């Protein structure tokens, strides 16, 4: 699944991005997925649940890629 997400603010926390894009149903599930090392930001495994994801970033995991764009 290849998704585009447009930011309306300076950044979005990683766990919220996964929830808003429908990768997970809840924020808790998103946090667990991140803690297990299943999510990468710009090609690097990310373990910080509230990492600030900014425009230009690419968030990926098994079966999904999210391209984050600015306003």
C-alpha atoms as a PDB file:
ATOM      1  CA  UNK A   1       0.000   0.000   0.000  1.00  0.00           C
ATOM      2  CA  UNK A   2       1.478   3.316  -1.120  1.00  0.00           C
ATOM      3  CA  UNK A   3      -0.026   6.365   0.615  1.00  0.00           C
ATOM      4  CA  UNK A   4       0.428  10.131   0.509  1.00  0.00           C
ATOM      5  CA  UNK A   5      -0.178  12.198   3.650  1.00  0.00           C
ATOM      6  CA  UNK A   6      -0.318  15.988   3.637  1.00  0.00           C
ATOM      7  CA  UNK A   7       0.745  17.764   6.804  1.00  0.00           C
ATOM      8  CA  UNK A   8      -1.258  20.760   7.958  1.00  0.00           C
ATOM      9  CA  UNK A   9       1.199  21.496  10.797  1.00  0.00           C
ATOM     10  CA  UNK A  10       4.999  21.427  11.120  1.00  0.00           C
ATOM     11  CA  UNK A  11       5.076  17.745  12.098  1.00  0.00           C
ATOM     12  CA  UNK A  12       3.008  14.752  13.204  1.00  0.00           C
ATOM     13  CA  UNK A  13       4.007  12.175  15.836  1.00  0.00           C
ATOM     14  CA  UNK A  14       4.855   8.842  14.221  1.00  0.00           C
ATOM     15  CA  UNK A  15       2.249   6.852  16.172  1.00  0.00           C
ATOM     16  CA  UNK A  16      -0.480   9.322  15.139  1.00  0.00           C
ATOM     17  CA  UNK A  17       0.558   9.139  11.480  1.00  0.00           C
ATOM     18  CA  UNK A  18       0.156   5.355  11.448  1.00  0.00           C
ATOM     19  CA  UNK A  19      -3.283   5.665  13.026  1.00  0.00           C
ATOM     20  CA  UNK A  20      -4.513   8.467  10.723  1.00  0.00           C
ATOM     21  CA  UNK A  21      -3.356   6.621   7.602  1.00  0.00           C
ATOM     22  CA  UNK A  22      -5.202   3.464   8.649  1.00  0.00           C
ATOM     23  CA  UNK A  23      -2.088   1.336   9.096  1.00  0.00           C
ATOM     24  CA  UNK A  24      -3.294   0.554  12.624  1.00  0.00           C
ATOM     25  CA  UNK A  25      -6.730   0.924  14.179  1.00  0.00           C
ATOM     26  CA  UNK A  26      -5.521   2.475  17.436  1.00  0.00           C
ATOM     27  CA  UNK A  27      -2.635   4.528  18.739  1.00  0.00           C
ATOM     28  CA  UNK A  28      -1.767   1.715  21.140  1.00  0.00           C
ATOM     29  CA  UNK A  29      -1.340  -0.718  18.275  1.00  0.00           C
ATOM     30  CA  UNK A  30       0.817   1.836  16.451  1.00  0.00           C
ATOM     31  CA  UNK A  31       3.036   2.273  19.525  1.00  0.00           C
ATOM     32  CA  UNK A  32       3.453  -1.492  19.859  1.00  0.00           C
ATOM     33  CA  UNK A  33       4.360  -1.823  16.177  1.00  0.00           C
ATOM     34  CA  UNK A  34       6.997   0.917  16.538  1.00  0.00           C
ATOM     35  CA  UNK A  35       8.409  -0.605  19.747  1.00  0.00           C
ATOM     36  CA  UNK A  36       8.851  -3.938  17.961  1.00  0.00           C
ATOM     37  CA  UNK A  37      11.017  -2.255  15.304  1.00  0.00           C
ATOM     38  CA  UNK A  38       8.539  -2.771  12.469  1.00  0.00           C
ATOM     39  CA  UNK A  39       8.532   0.851  11.249  1.00  0.00           C
ATOM     40  CA  UNK A  40      11.236   2.791   9.415  1.00  0.00           C
ATOM     41  CA  UNK A  41      11.530   6.517   8.795  1.00  0.00           C
ATOM     42  CA  UNK A  42      13.698   7.501   5.835  1.00  0.00           C
ATOM     43  CA  UNK A  43      15.174   3.993   5.692  1.00  0.00           C
ATOM     44  CA  UNK A  44      16.153   3.809   9.392  1.00  0.00           C
ATOM     45  CA  UNK A  45      14.313   1.652  11.940  1.00  0.00           C
ATOM     46  CA  UNK A  46      12.591   4.031  14.347  1.00  0.00           C
ATOM     47  CA  UNK A  47      11.842   3.049  17.952  1.00  0.00           C
ATOM     48  CA  UNK A  48      10.649   6.450  19.219  1.00  0.00           C
ATOM     49  CA  UNK A  49       6.853   6.337  19.267  1.00  0.00           C
ATOM     50  CA  UNK A  50       6.372  10.099  19.161  1.00  0.00           C
ATOM     51  CA  UNK A  51       9.160  10.881  16.703  1.00  0.00           C
ATOM     52  CA  UNK A  52       8.357  14.086  14.837  1.00  0.00           C
ATOM     53  CA  UNK A  53       7.667  13.189  11.213  1.00  0.00           C
ATOM     54  CA  UNK A  54       8.076  16.207   8.941  1.00  0.00           C
ATOM     55  CA  UNK A  55       7.374  16.975   5.285  1.00  0.00           C
ATOM     56  CA  UNK A  56       9.625  15.061   2.918  1.00  0.00           C
ATOM     57  CA  UNK A  57       9.880  11.993   5.148  1.00  0.00           C
ATOM     58  CA  UNK A  58       9.047   8.481   3.992  1.00  0.00           C
ATOM     59  CA  UNK A  59       7.604   6.122   6.611  1.00  0.00           C
ATOM     60  CA  UNK A  60       7.538   2.437   5.752  1.00  0.00           C
ATOM     61  CA  UNK A  61       6.943  -1.012   7.123  1.00  0.00           C
ATOM     62  CA  UNK A  62       5.801  -4.408   5.950  1.00  0.00           C
ATOM     63  CA  UNK A  63       3.202  -3.776   3.264  1.00  0.00           C
ATOM     64  CA  UNK A  64       3.052   0.030   3.435  1.00  0.00           C
ATOM     65  CA  UNK A  65       4.882   3.208   2.472  1.00  0.00           C
ATOM     66  CA  UNK A  66       3.705   6.684   3.481  1.00  0.00           C
ATOM     67  CA  UNK A  67       5.081   9.745   1.675  1.00  0.00           C
ATOM     68  CA  UNK A  68       4.672  12.818   3.880  1.00  0.00           C
ATOM     69  CA  UNK A  69       4.164  16.117   2.052  1.00  0.00           C
ATOM     70  CA  UNK A  70       3.938  19.674   3.350  1.00  0.00           C
ATOM     71  CA  UNK A  71       1.177  22.145   2.749  1.00  0.00           C
END
